[in-house]
N, C-alpha and C. Protein backbone atom coordinates (compact mmCIF):
# COMPACT_ATOMS: atom_id res chain seq x y z
N UNK A 1 11.13 5.62 -6.10
CA UNK A 1 10.71 4.24 -6.00
C UNK A 1 11.91 3.33 -6.16
N UNK A 2 11.78 2.16 -5.63
CA UNK A 2 12.79 1.13 -5.82
C UNK A 2 12.47 0.46 -7.15
N UNK A 3 13.42 0.54 -8.09
CA UNK A 3 13.15 0.04 -9.44
C UNK A 3 13.52 -1.43 -9.61
N UNK A 4 14.48 -1.91 -8.87
CA UNK A 4 14.88 -3.32 -9.00
C UNK A 4 13.99 -4.14 -8.07
N UNK A 5 12.86 -4.58 -8.61
CA UNK A 5 11.88 -5.31 -7.82
C UNK A 5 12.07 -6.80 -8.01
N UNK A 6 12.16 -7.51 -6.90
CA UNK A 6 12.25 -8.96 -6.95
C UNK A 6 10.83 -9.49 -7.12
N UNK A 7 10.59 -10.15 -8.24
CA UNK A 7 9.28 -10.74 -8.52
C UNK A 7 9.42 -12.26 -8.55
N UNK A 8 8.31 -12.93 -8.28
CA UNK A 8 8.27 -14.39 -8.38
C UNK A 8 7.11 -14.77 -9.29
N UNK A 9 7.08 -16.04 -9.67
CA UNK A 9 6.04 -16.54 -10.56
C UNK A 9 5.06 -17.42 -9.79
N UNK A 10 3.84 -17.57 -10.27
CA UNK A 10 2.88 -18.44 -9.58
C UNK A 10 3.38 -19.87 -9.42
N UNK A 11 4.23 -20.33 -10.32
CA UNK A 11 4.73 -21.71 -10.28
C UNK A 11 5.99 -21.88 -9.42
N UNK A 12 6.44 -20.81 -8.78
CA UNK A 12 7.61 -20.89 -7.91
C UNK A 12 7.27 -21.73 -6.67
N UNK A 13 8.07 -22.76 -6.36
CA UNK A 13 7.83 -23.54 -5.14
C UNK A 13 8.00 -22.67 -3.89
N UNK A 14 7.20 -22.94 -2.87
CA UNK A 14 7.27 -22.14 -1.64
C UNK A 14 8.67 -22.21 -1.03
N UNK A 15 9.31 -23.36 -1.08
CA UNK A 15 10.67 -23.47 -0.54
C UNK A 15 11.63 -22.50 -1.24
N UNK A 16 11.47 -22.34 -2.56
CA UNK A 16 12.29 -21.38 -3.30
C UNK A 16 11.92 -19.95 -2.94
N UNK A 17 10.62 -19.71 -2.75
CA UNK A 17 10.15 -18.38 -2.34
C UNK A 17 10.82 -17.96 -1.04
N UNK A 18 10.86 -18.86 -0.08
CA UNK A 18 11.48 -18.55 1.22
C UNK A 18 12.94 -18.15 1.03
N UNK A 19 13.66 -18.91 0.22
CA UNK A 19 15.07 -18.60 -0.05
C UNK A 19 15.20 -17.22 -0.69
N UNK A 20 14.31 -16.88 -1.62
CA UNK A 20 14.34 -15.58 -2.30
C UNK A 20 14.10 -14.45 -1.31
N UNK A 21 13.10 -14.62 -0.44
CA UNK A 21 12.80 -13.57 0.55
C UNK A 21 13.96 -13.37 1.51
N UNK A 22 14.52 -14.47 2.00
CA UNK A 22 15.63 -14.38 2.95
C UNK A 22 16.86 -13.77 2.28
N UNK A 23 17.21 -14.24 1.10
CA UNK A 23 18.39 -13.76 0.39
C UNK A 23 18.32 -12.26 0.10
N UNK A 24 17.13 -11.78 -0.25
CA UNK A 24 16.96 -10.37 -0.62
C UNK A 24 16.51 -9.47 0.53
N UNK A 25 16.35 -10.06 1.72
CA UNK A 25 15.93 -9.30 2.91
C UNK A 25 14.64 -8.53 2.65
N UNK A 26 13.63 -9.22 2.08
CA UNK A 26 12.36 -8.58 1.78
C UNK A 26 11.22 -9.34 2.46
N UNK A 27 10.09 -8.65 2.64
CA UNK A 27 8.92 -9.23 3.31
C UNK A 27 8.00 -9.96 2.36
N UNK A 28 8.09 -9.65 1.10
CA UNK A 28 7.20 -10.25 0.12
C UNK A 28 7.61 -9.81 -1.27
N UNK A 29 6.85 -10.28 -2.25
CA UNK A 29 7.19 -9.95 -3.63
C UNK A 29 5.94 -9.94 -4.50
N UNK A 30 5.95 -9.12 -5.54
CA UNK A 30 4.88 -9.20 -6.52
C UNK A 30 4.97 -10.55 -7.24
N UNK A 31 3.82 -11.08 -7.62
CA UNK A 31 3.77 -12.32 -8.38
C UNK A 31 3.37 -11.93 -9.81
N UNK A 32 4.21 -12.32 -10.78
CA UNK A 32 3.95 -11.98 -12.17
C UNK A 32 3.85 -13.25 -13.01
N UNK A 33 3.02 -13.18 -14.05
CA UNK A 33 2.89 -14.34 -14.94
C UNK A 33 4.05 -14.36 -15.94
N UNK A 34 4.03 -15.28 -16.88
CA UNK A 34 5.13 -15.44 -17.85
C UNK A 34 5.32 -14.21 -18.71
N UNK A 35 4.26 -13.41 -18.90
CA UNK A 35 4.35 -12.19 -19.71
C UNK A 35 4.75 -10.98 -18.87
N UNK A 36 4.95 -11.19 -17.57
CA UNK A 36 5.34 -10.10 -16.68
C UNK A 36 4.17 -9.31 -16.13
N UNK A 37 2.94 -9.79 -16.38
CA UNK A 37 1.74 -9.10 -15.87
C UNK A 37 1.50 -9.48 -14.42
N UNK A 38 1.15 -8.50 -13.61
CA UNK A 38 0.93 -8.70 -12.18
C UNK A 38 -0.23 -9.65 -11.93
N UNK A 39 0.02 -10.69 -11.14
CA UNK A 39 -1.00 -11.69 -10.82
C UNK A 39 -1.40 -11.62 -9.35
N UNK A 40 -0.61 -10.92 -8.53
CA UNK A 40 -0.90 -10.81 -7.10
C UNK A 40 0.35 -10.50 -6.32
N UNK A 41 0.29 -10.74 -5.02
CA UNK A 41 1.44 -10.56 -4.15
C UNK A 41 1.54 -11.76 -3.22
N UNK A 42 2.73 -12.01 -2.75
CA UNK A 42 2.94 -13.08 -1.78
C UNK A 42 3.88 -12.54 -0.71
N UNK A 43 3.66 -12.97 0.52
CA UNK A 43 4.43 -12.40 1.62
C UNK A 43 4.77 -13.45 2.66
N UNK A 44 5.57 -13.02 3.63
CA UNK A 44 5.91 -13.90 4.74
C UNK A 44 4.67 -14.38 5.46
N UNK A 45 3.69 -13.49 5.62
CA UNK A 45 2.49 -13.91 6.34
C UNK A 45 1.72 -14.98 5.58
N UNK A 46 1.76 -14.95 4.25
CA UNK A 46 1.13 -16.02 3.47
C UNK A 46 1.79 -17.36 3.77
N UNK A 47 3.10 -17.35 3.91
CA UNK A 47 3.85 -18.57 4.22
C UNK A 47 3.51 -19.04 5.62
N UNK A 48 3.52 -18.12 6.59
CA UNK A 48 3.24 -18.45 7.98
C UNK A 48 1.83 -19.01 8.12
N UNK A 49 0.87 -18.47 7.37
CA UNK A 49 -0.53 -18.89 7.47
C UNK A 49 -0.84 -20.17 6.71
N UNK A 50 0.07 -20.63 5.90
CA UNK A 50 -0.19 -21.82 5.09
C UNK A 50 -0.30 -23.06 5.96
N UNK A 51 -1.34 -23.82 5.74
CA UNK A 51 -1.55 -25.06 6.49
C UNK A 51 -1.34 -26.23 5.55
N UNK A 52 -0.25 -26.94 5.74
CA UNK A 52 0.11 -28.02 4.82
C UNK A 52 -0.91 -29.16 4.81
N UNK A 53 -1.65 -29.34 5.91
CA UNK A 53 -2.62 -30.44 5.98
C UNK A 53 -3.80 -30.19 5.05
N UNK A 54 -4.25 -28.95 5.00
CA UNK A 54 -5.39 -28.64 4.13
C UNK A 54 -4.91 -28.07 2.80
N UNK A 55 -3.61 -27.83 2.69
CA UNK A 55 -3.01 -27.24 1.50
C UNK A 55 -3.67 -25.91 1.14
N UNK A 56 -4.05 -25.16 2.16
CA UNK A 56 -4.65 -23.84 1.95
C UNK A 56 -4.14 -22.89 3.02
N UNK A 57 -4.33 -21.61 2.75
CA UNK A 57 -4.02 -20.63 3.77
C UNK A 57 -5.04 -20.74 4.88
N UNK A 58 -4.57 -20.65 6.13
CA UNK A 58 -5.48 -20.75 7.27
C UNK A 58 -6.51 -19.62 7.27
N UNK A 59 -6.11 -18.43 6.87
CA UNK A 59 -7.03 -17.29 6.93
C UNK A 59 -7.58 -16.95 5.55
N UNK A 60 -7.79 -17.94 4.74
CA UNK A 60 -8.27 -17.70 3.38
C UNK A 60 -9.64 -17.04 3.37
N UNK A 61 -10.44 -17.30 4.37
CA UNK A 61 -11.79 -16.75 4.41
C UNK A 61 -11.75 -15.24 4.64
N UNK A 62 -10.91 -14.79 5.54
CA UNK A 62 -10.81 -13.36 5.81
C UNK A 62 -9.49 -12.83 5.26
N UNK A 63 -9.59 -11.82 4.43
CA UNK A 63 -8.38 -11.23 3.86
C UNK A 63 -7.84 -10.20 4.83
N UNK A 64 -6.62 -10.41 5.25
CA UNK A 64 -5.98 -9.48 6.17
C UNK A 64 -4.89 -8.72 5.42
N UNK A 65 -4.38 -7.69 6.06
CA UNK A 65 -3.27 -6.96 5.45
C UNK A 65 -2.05 -7.86 5.50
N UNK A 66 -1.47 -8.10 4.37
CA UNK A 66 -0.32 -8.98 4.28
C UNK A 66 0.96 -8.22 4.61
N UNK A 67 1.96 -8.96 5.03
CA UNK A 67 3.21 -8.33 5.41
C UNK A 67 3.86 -7.60 4.23
N UNK A 68 3.51 -7.97 3.00
CA UNK A 68 4.06 -7.24 1.85
C UNK A 68 3.75 -5.76 1.98
N UNK A 69 2.56 -5.46 2.47
CA UNK A 69 2.13 -4.07 2.58
C UNK A 69 2.42 -3.43 3.92
N UNK A 70 2.45 -4.22 4.99
CA UNK A 70 2.48 -3.59 6.31
C UNK A 70 3.62 -3.98 7.24
N UNK A 71 4.32 -5.06 7.01
CA UNK A 71 5.36 -5.51 7.94
C UNK A 71 6.65 -4.74 7.67
N UNK A 72 6.80 -3.60 8.34
CA UNK A 72 7.97 -2.76 8.10
C UNK A 72 9.14 -3.07 9.02
N UNK A 73 8.90 -3.74 10.11
CA UNK A 73 10.01 -3.99 11.04
C UNK A 73 10.24 -5.47 11.27
N UNK A 74 9.81 -6.30 10.35
CA UNK A 74 10.13 -7.72 10.42
C UNK A 74 9.46 -8.49 11.53
N UNK A 75 8.21 -8.16 11.87
CA UNK A 75 7.51 -8.85 12.95
C UNK A 75 7.40 -10.35 12.69
N UNK A 76 7.35 -10.73 11.43
CA UNK A 76 7.15 -12.15 11.10
C UNK A 76 8.46 -12.91 10.93
N UNK A 77 9.60 -12.26 11.11
CA UNK A 77 10.88 -12.92 10.89
C UNK A 77 11.05 -14.15 11.78
N UNK A 78 10.71 -14.03 13.06
CA UNK A 78 10.86 -15.16 13.97
C UNK A 78 9.94 -16.32 13.57
N UNK A 79 8.68 -16.00 13.20
CA UNK A 79 7.75 -17.04 12.76
C UNK A 79 8.28 -17.74 11.51
N UNK A 80 8.84 -16.96 10.60
CA UNK A 80 9.36 -17.54 9.36
C UNK A 80 10.58 -18.42 9.66
N UNK A 81 11.43 -17.96 10.55
CA UNK A 81 12.61 -18.75 10.92
C UNK A 81 12.19 -20.10 11.52
N UNK A 82 11.15 -20.10 12.37
CA UNK A 82 10.65 -21.35 12.95
C UNK A 82 10.12 -22.27 11.85
N UNK A 83 9.39 -21.70 10.91
CA UNK A 83 8.81 -22.50 9.83
C UNK A 83 9.88 -23.16 8.97
N UNK A 84 10.97 -22.43 8.74
CA UNK A 84 12.04 -22.99 7.92
C UNK A 84 12.56 -24.29 8.52
N UNK A 85 12.54 -24.36 9.85
CA UNK A 85 13.05 -25.55 10.54
C UNK A 85 11.97 -26.63 10.68
N UNK A 86 10.70 -26.23 10.82
CA UNK A 86 9.67 -27.19 11.18
C UNK A 86 8.73 -27.62 10.05
N UNK A 87 8.50 -26.78 9.08
CA UNK A 87 7.47 -27.05 8.09
C UNK A 87 8.02 -27.62 6.80
N UNK A 88 7.28 -28.54 6.24
CA UNK A 88 7.61 -29.07 4.93
C UNK A 88 6.50 -28.63 3.98
N UNK A 89 6.86 -27.89 2.97
CA UNK A 89 5.86 -27.37 2.06
C UNK A 89 5.61 -28.29 0.87
N UNK A 90 6.37 -29.37 0.80
CA UNK A 90 6.15 -30.34 -0.28
C UNK A 90 6.19 -29.69 -1.65
N UNK A 91 5.13 -29.91 -2.41
CA UNK A 91 5.06 -29.38 -3.78
C UNK A 91 4.24 -28.11 -3.88
N UNK A 92 3.95 -27.48 -2.73
CA UNK A 92 3.14 -26.27 -2.73
C UNK A 92 3.85 -25.15 -3.51
N UNK A 93 3.06 -24.39 -4.24
CA UNK A 93 3.58 -23.32 -5.09
C UNK A 93 3.07 -21.96 -4.61
N UNK A 94 3.70 -20.92 -5.11
CA UNK A 94 3.28 -19.56 -4.78
C UNK A 94 1.80 -19.37 -5.08
N UNK A 95 1.31 -19.89 -6.19
CA UNK A 95 -0.10 -19.70 -6.55
C UNK A 95 -1.04 -20.28 -5.50
N UNK A 96 -0.56 -21.22 -4.68
CA UNK A 96 -1.38 -21.82 -3.63
C UNK A 96 -1.56 -20.89 -2.43
N UNK A 97 -0.66 -19.93 -2.26
CA UNK A 97 -0.70 -19.09 -1.06
C UNK A 97 -0.79 -17.60 -1.34
N UNK A 98 -0.61 -17.18 -2.59
CA UNK A 98 -0.55 -15.75 -2.89
C UNK A 98 -1.91 -15.07 -2.71
N UNK A 99 -1.87 -13.77 -2.56
CA UNK A 99 -3.06 -12.95 -2.53
C UNK A 99 -3.25 -12.40 -3.94
N UNK A 100 -4.36 -12.76 -4.61
CA UNK A 100 -4.50 -12.35 -6.01
C UNK A 100 -4.75 -10.85 -6.20
N UNK A 101 -5.27 -10.18 -5.20
CA UNK A 101 -5.51 -8.74 -5.33
C UNK A 101 -4.25 -7.98 -4.93
N UNK A 102 -3.79 -7.10 -5.79
CA UNK A 102 -2.60 -6.30 -5.48
C UNK A 102 -2.98 -4.82 -5.51
N UNK A 103 -2.46 -4.07 -4.57
CA UNK A 103 -2.69 -2.63 -4.52
C UNK A 103 -1.60 -1.97 -5.34
N UNK A 104 -2.02 -1.24 -6.37
CA UNK A 104 -1.05 -0.68 -7.31
C UNK A 104 -1.29 0.80 -7.56
N UNK A 105 -0.30 1.41 -8.17
CA UNK A 105 -0.41 2.78 -8.67
C UNK A 105 0.33 2.80 -10.01
N UNK A 106 0.16 3.89 -10.72
CA UNK A 106 0.78 4.02 -12.04
C UNK A 106 2.08 4.82 -11.92
N UNK A 107 2.95 4.62 -12.90
CA UNK A 107 4.26 5.27 -12.89
C UNK A 107 4.15 6.79 -12.89
N UNK A 108 3.09 7.32 -13.46
CA UNK A 108 2.96 8.78 -13.54
C UNK A 108 2.11 9.38 -12.42
N UNK A 109 1.76 8.57 -11.41
CA UNK A 109 1.02 9.10 -10.26
C UNK A 109 1.93 10.02 -9.45
N UNK A 110 1.32 11.02 -8.82
CA UNK A 110 2.08 11.97 -8.02
C UNK A 110 2.39 11.38 -6.64
N UNK A 111 3.34 11.99 -5.97
CA UNK A 111 3.68 11.59 -4.61
C UNK A 111 2.46 11.76 -3.71
N UNK A 112 1.71 12.83 -3.93
CA UNK A 112 0.51 13.07 -3.14
C UNK A 112 -0.49 11.93 -3.30
N UNK A 113 -0.67 11.47 -4.54
CA UNK A 113 -1.62 10.36 -4.80
C UNK A 113 -1.15 9.07 -4.13
N UNK A 114 0.15 8.78 -4.24
CA UNK A 114 0.69 7.57 -3.59
C UNK A 114 0.49 7.63 -2.08
N UNK A 115 0.76 8.78 -1.51
CA UNK A 115 0.60 8.95 -0.06
C UNK A 115 -0.87 8.76 0.33
N UNK A 116 -1.78 9.27 -0.48
CA UNK A 116 -3.22 9.14 -0.20
C UNK A 116 -3.65 7.67 -0.26
N UNK A 117 -3.19 6.94 -1.26
CA UNK A 117 -3.52 5.51 -1.36
C UNK A 117 -3.01 4.78 -0.12
N UNK A 118 -1.76 5.05 0.25
CA UNK A 118 -1.18 4.37 1.41
C UNK A 118 -1.93 4.72 2.68
N UNK A 119 -2.29 5.97 2.82
CA UNK A 119 -3.03 6.39 4.01
C UNK A 119 -4.41 5.74 4.05
N UNK A 120 -5.13 5.80 2.94
CA UNK A 120 -6.48 5.24 2.88
C UNK A 120 -6.49 3.72 3.11
N UNK A 121 -5.51 3.03 2.54
CA UNK A 121 -5.45 1.57 2.66
C UNK A 121 -4.68 1.12 3.89
N UNK A 122 -4.05 2.08 4.57
CA UNK A 122 -3.25 1.80 5.77
C UNK A 122 -2.16 0.76 5.47
N UNK A 123 -1.38 1.08 4.43
CA UNK A 123 -0.29 0.21 4.00
C UNK A 123 1.01 1.01 3.95
N UNK A 124 2.12 0.30 3.83
CA UNK A 124 3.43 0.94 3.84
C UNK A 124 4.19 0.81 2.53
N UNK A 125 3.64 0.07 1.57
CA UNK A 125 4.28 -0.02 0.27
C UNK A 125 3.23 -0.28 -0.79
N UNK A 126 3.57 0.15 -2.01
CA UNK A 126 2.63 0.02 -3.12
C UNK A 126 3.40 -0.35 -4.39
N UNK A 127 2.83 -1.23 -5.18
CA UNK A 127 3.46 -1.68 -6.42
C UNK A 127 3.19 -0.65 -7.51
N UNK A 128 4.22 -0.30 -8.26
CA UNK A 128 4.08 0.67 -9.35
C UNK A 128 4.10 -0.08 -10.68
N UNK A 129 3.12 0.25 -11.52
CA UNK A 129 3.01 -0.39 -12.83
C UNK A 129 3.09 0.64 -13.94
N UNK A 130 3.51 0.17 -15.10
CA UNK A 130 3.47 0.97 -16.31
C UNK A 130 3.09 0.03 -17.45
N UNK A 131 1.99 0.33 -18.09
CA UNK A 131 1.47 -0.51 -19.18
C UNK A 131 1.32 -1.97 -18.74
N UNK A 132 0.82 -2.16 -17.52
CA UNK A 132 0.55 -3.50 -17.01
C UNK A 132 1.76 -4.25 -16.49
N UNK A 133 2.93 -3.65 -16.53
CA UNK A 133 4.16 -4.30 -16.07
C UNK A 133 4.61 -3.70 -14.74
N UNK A 134 5.11 -4.55 -13.85
CA UNK A 134 5.65 -4.08 -12.58
C UNK A 134 6.99 -3.41 -12.86
N UNK A 135 7.10 -2.14 -12.47
CA UNK A 135 8.37 -1.43 -12.70
C UNK A 135 9.02 -0.94 -11.40
N UNK A 136 8.29 -1.07 -10.28
CA UNK A 136 8.89 -0.61 -9.04
C UNK A 136 7.97 -0.78 -7.85
N UNK A 137 8.50 -0.42 -6.70
CA UNK A 137 7.75 -0.42 -5.45
C UNK A 137 8.08 0.88 -4.74
N UNK A 138 7.06 1.53 -4.19
CA UNK A 138 7.28 2.74 -3.40
C UNK A 138 6.85 2.44 -1.97
N UNK A 139 7.72 2.80 -1.04
CA UNK A 139 7.41 2.60 0.38
C UNK A 139 7.18 3.95 1.05
N UNK A 140 6.68 3.90 2.27
CA UNK A 140 6.49 5.15 3.01
C UNK A 140 7.82 5.86 3.23
N UNK A 141 8.90 5.09 3.39
CA UNK A 141 10.21 5.71 3.53
C UNK A 141 10.63 6.43 2.26
N UNK A 142 10.27 5.88 1.09
CA UNK A 142 10.56 6.57 -0.17
C UNK A 142 9.83 7.91 -0.24
N UNK A 143 8.58 7.92 0.21
CA UNK A 143 7.80 9.16 0.19
C UNK A 143 8.38 10.18 1.18
N UNK A 144 8.74 9.72 2.37
CA UNK A 144 9.35 10.63 3.34
C UNK A 144 10.65 11.21 2.80
N UNK A 145 11.44 10.39 2.14
CA UNK A 145 12.69 10.88 1.55
C UNK A 145 12.40 11.94 0.48
N UNK A 146 11.41 11.68 -0.38
CA UNK A 146 11.07 12.63 -1.42
C UNK A 146 10.59 13.95 -0.83
N UNK A 147 9.75 13.86 0.19
CA UNK A 147 9.23 15.06 0.84
C UNK A 147 10.37 15.86 1.46
N UNK A 148 11.31 15.18 2.08
CA UNK A 148 12.40 15.90 2.75
C UNK A 148 13.37 16.53 1.75
N UNK A 149 13.53 15.94 0.58
CA UNK A 149 14.47 16.49 -0.39
C UNK A 149 13.83 17.46 -1.38
N UNK A 150 12.51 17.46 -1.48
CA UNK A 150 11.84 18.33 -2.45
C UNK A 150 11.37 19.64 -1.83
N UNK A 151 11.54 19.78 -0.54
CA UNK A 151 11.17 21.03 0.10
C UNK A 151 9.68 21.22 0.31
N UNK A 152 8.90 20.13 0.35
CA UNK A 152 7.48 20.25 0.63
C UNK A 152 7.30 20.96 1.95
N UNK A 153 6.57 22.06 1.93
CA UNK A 153 6.22 22.74 3.17
C UNK A 153 7.34 23.59 3.75
N UNK A 154 8.52 23.62 3.16
CA UNK A 154 9.61 24.36 3.78
C UNK A 154 9.38 25.86 3.78
N UNK A 155 8.57 26.37 2.83
CA UNK A 155 8.32 27.81 2.81
C UNK A 155 6.89 28.12 3.21
N UNK A 156 6.22 27.17 3.79
CA UNK A 156 4.81 27.33 4.14
C UNK A 156 4.66 27.83 5.58
N UNK A 157 5.16 29.03 5.83
CA UNK A 157 5.03 29.61 7.15
C UNK A 157 3.71 30.36 7.23
N UNK A 158 3.04 30.25 8.34
CA UNK A 158 1.79 30.97 8.53
C UNK A 158 2.13 32.38 8.97
N UNK A 159 1.69 33.34 8.18
CA UNK A 159 1.95 34.75 8.51
C UNK A 159 0.66 35.39 8.99
N UNK A 160 0.80 36.53 9.62
CA UNK A 160 -0.37 37.27 10.07
C UNK A 160 -1.23 37.67 8.88
N UNK A 161 -0.58 38.04 7.79
CA UNK A 161 -1.31 38.42 6.57
C UNK A 161 -2.14 37.24 6.04
N UNK A 162 -1.57 36.05 6.04
CA UNK A 162 -2.29 34.86 5.57
C UNK A 162 -3.51 34.58 6.46
N UNK A 163 -3.35 34.78 7.75
CA UNK A 163 -4.46 34.58 8.68
C UNK A 163 -5.57 35.58 8.42
N UNK A 164 -5.21 36.85 8.18
CA UNK A 164 -6.22 37.88 7.90
C UNK A 164 -6.96 37.60 6.60
N UNK A 165 -6.24 37.16 5.57
CA UNK A 165 -6.88 36.80 4.30
C UNK A 165 -7.85 35.66 4.50
N UNK A 166 -7.43 34.65 5.24
CA UNK A 166 -8.30 33.51 5.51
C UNK A 166 -9.52 33.95 6.30
N UNK A 167 -9.33 34.82 7.27
CA UNK A 167 -10.44 35.32 8.08
C UNK A 167 -11.44 36.07 7.20
N UNK A 168 -10.96 36.90 6.28
CA UNK A 168 -11.84 37.62 5.35
C UNK A 168 -12.64 36.65 4.48
N UNK A 169 -11.97 35.60 4.00
CA UNK A 169 -12.65 34.62 3.16
C UNK A 169 -13.72 33.87 3.95
N UNK A 170 -13.43 33.53 5.20
CA UNK A 170 -14.42 32.85 6.03
C UNK A 170 -15.62 33.74 6.31
N UNK A 171 -15.38 35.03 6.58
CA UNK A 171 -16.48 35.96 6.82
C UNK A 171 -17.35 36.10 5.58
N UNK A 172 -16.73 36.16 4.39
CA UNK A 172 -17.48 36.26 3.14
C UNK A 172 -18.31 34.99 2.92
N UNK A 173 -17.73 33.84 3.25
CA UNK A 173 -18.47 32.58 3.11
C UNK A 173 -19.65 32.54 4.07
N UNK A 174 -19.47 33.02 5.29
CA UNK A 174 -20.57 33.05 6.27
C UNK A 174 -21.68 33.97 5.79
N UNK A 175 -21.33 35.13 5.21
CA UNK A 175 -22.33 36.05 4.67
C UNK A 175 -23.11 35.38 3.53
N UNK A 176 -22.42 34.67 2.66
CA UNK A 176 -23.09 33.97 1.55
C UNK A 176 -24.04 32.91 2.07
N UNK A 177 -23.62 32.17 3.07
CA UNK A 177 -24.47 31.13 3.66
C UNK A 177 -25.70 31.75 4.29
N UNK A 178 -25.53 32.84 5.01
CA UNK A 178 -26.66 33.51 5.63
C UNK A 178 -27.61 34.05 4.58
N UNK A 179 -27.08 34.59 3.50
CA UNK A 179 -27.91 35.08 2.40
C UNK A 179 -28.73 33.95 1.80
N UNK A 180 -28.14 32.80 1.61
CA UNK A 180 -28.86 31.64 1.08
C UNK A 180 -29.95 31.18 2.05
N UNK A 181 -29.65 31.21 3.34
CA UNK A 181 -30.66 30.85 4.34
C UNK A 181 -31.86 31.79 4.27
N UNK A 182 -31.57 33.11 4.13
CA UNK A 182 -32.65 34.10 4.04
C UNK A 182 -33.53 33.85 2.82
N UNK A 183 -32.88 33.51 1.69
CA UNK A 183 -33.63 33.24 0.46
C UNK A 183 -34.50 32.02 0.65
N UNK A 184 -33.95 30.95 1.22
CA UNK A 184 -34.72 29.73 1.45
C UNK A 184 -35.89 29.98 2.40
N UNK A 185 -35.68 30.77 3.43
CA UNK A 185 -36.75 31.07 4.37
C UNK A 185 -37.87 31.84 3.68
N UNK A 186 -37.51 32.76 2.79
CA UNK A 186 -38.49 33.54 2.05
C UNK A 186 -39.28 32.63 1.11
N UNK A 187 -38.58 31.74 0.42
CA UNK A 187 -39.23 30.83 -0.53
C UNK A 187 -40.19 29.89 0.20
N UNK A 188 -39.76 29.36 1.32
CA UNK A 188 -40.57 28.39 2.05
C UNK A 188 -41.47 29.02 3.09
N UNK A 189 -41.42 30.34 3.20
CA UNK A 189 -42.29 31.05 4.13
C UNK A 189 -41.99 30.74 5.58
N UNK A 190 -40.77 30.50 5.88
CA UNK A 190 -40.38 30.14 7.25
C UNK A 190 -39.65 31.29 7.91
N UNK A 191 -40.32 32.20 8.45
CA UNK A 191 -39.67 33.32 9.12
C UNK A 191 -39.92 33.33 10.56
C-alpha cells in the first residue's frame, strides 16, 4: 500500500483542493476530520460536477463512481484544467462537494480480500484504515505488484494426477447426489 496518503479536511477551500491534487498528481483524496477520522472522499469528478450557481454537486441525486476510485488514466484531467481557467469556486469547501461514504478496508486484511472488494465494487483503489485512522491507499497496481512478487500461482501447474483426483472427487459427489435423490424419492413415494 501507499503509506504517505495526502488527506484534506472538510474545511479545505476547493481552490486549495485543486492545488493539492495538481501538485501531488492525484485524482482525489480521503477527507479526514480534525481527529484524523475518515469523513469521506473527494475527487476531480466532485470538482467537475460542482455547480457554483446552486452551490451543490450536479449529480448529488445519483451517486456515481468517483474518480478517486476509478479514474486510473486521468480522464478528467482536461475537464479539471478547463475548470481551473473558467470556474470560480468562491468560498466553497471540500465538505460542500465530498462524497461522505468511503470504501475502506482494514490494515490486516489480506490481498485476496482487498482484490475481492475492488472486484465487487468495480473500483481501482481502496482506503486502508487502522483503528479508525487513514494509514494508506491500495490500488489495483499495488495488488498486481504484490501478486507478481509473491509468487501467487507460480507453482500451480495442472498435472494429469491433479485432473484424475478432481475427476474422482466429482464422481464421488455425483454418487452422493444420486443417493440423496433416491432417498428423497423413497420418502416422497416418487418412483
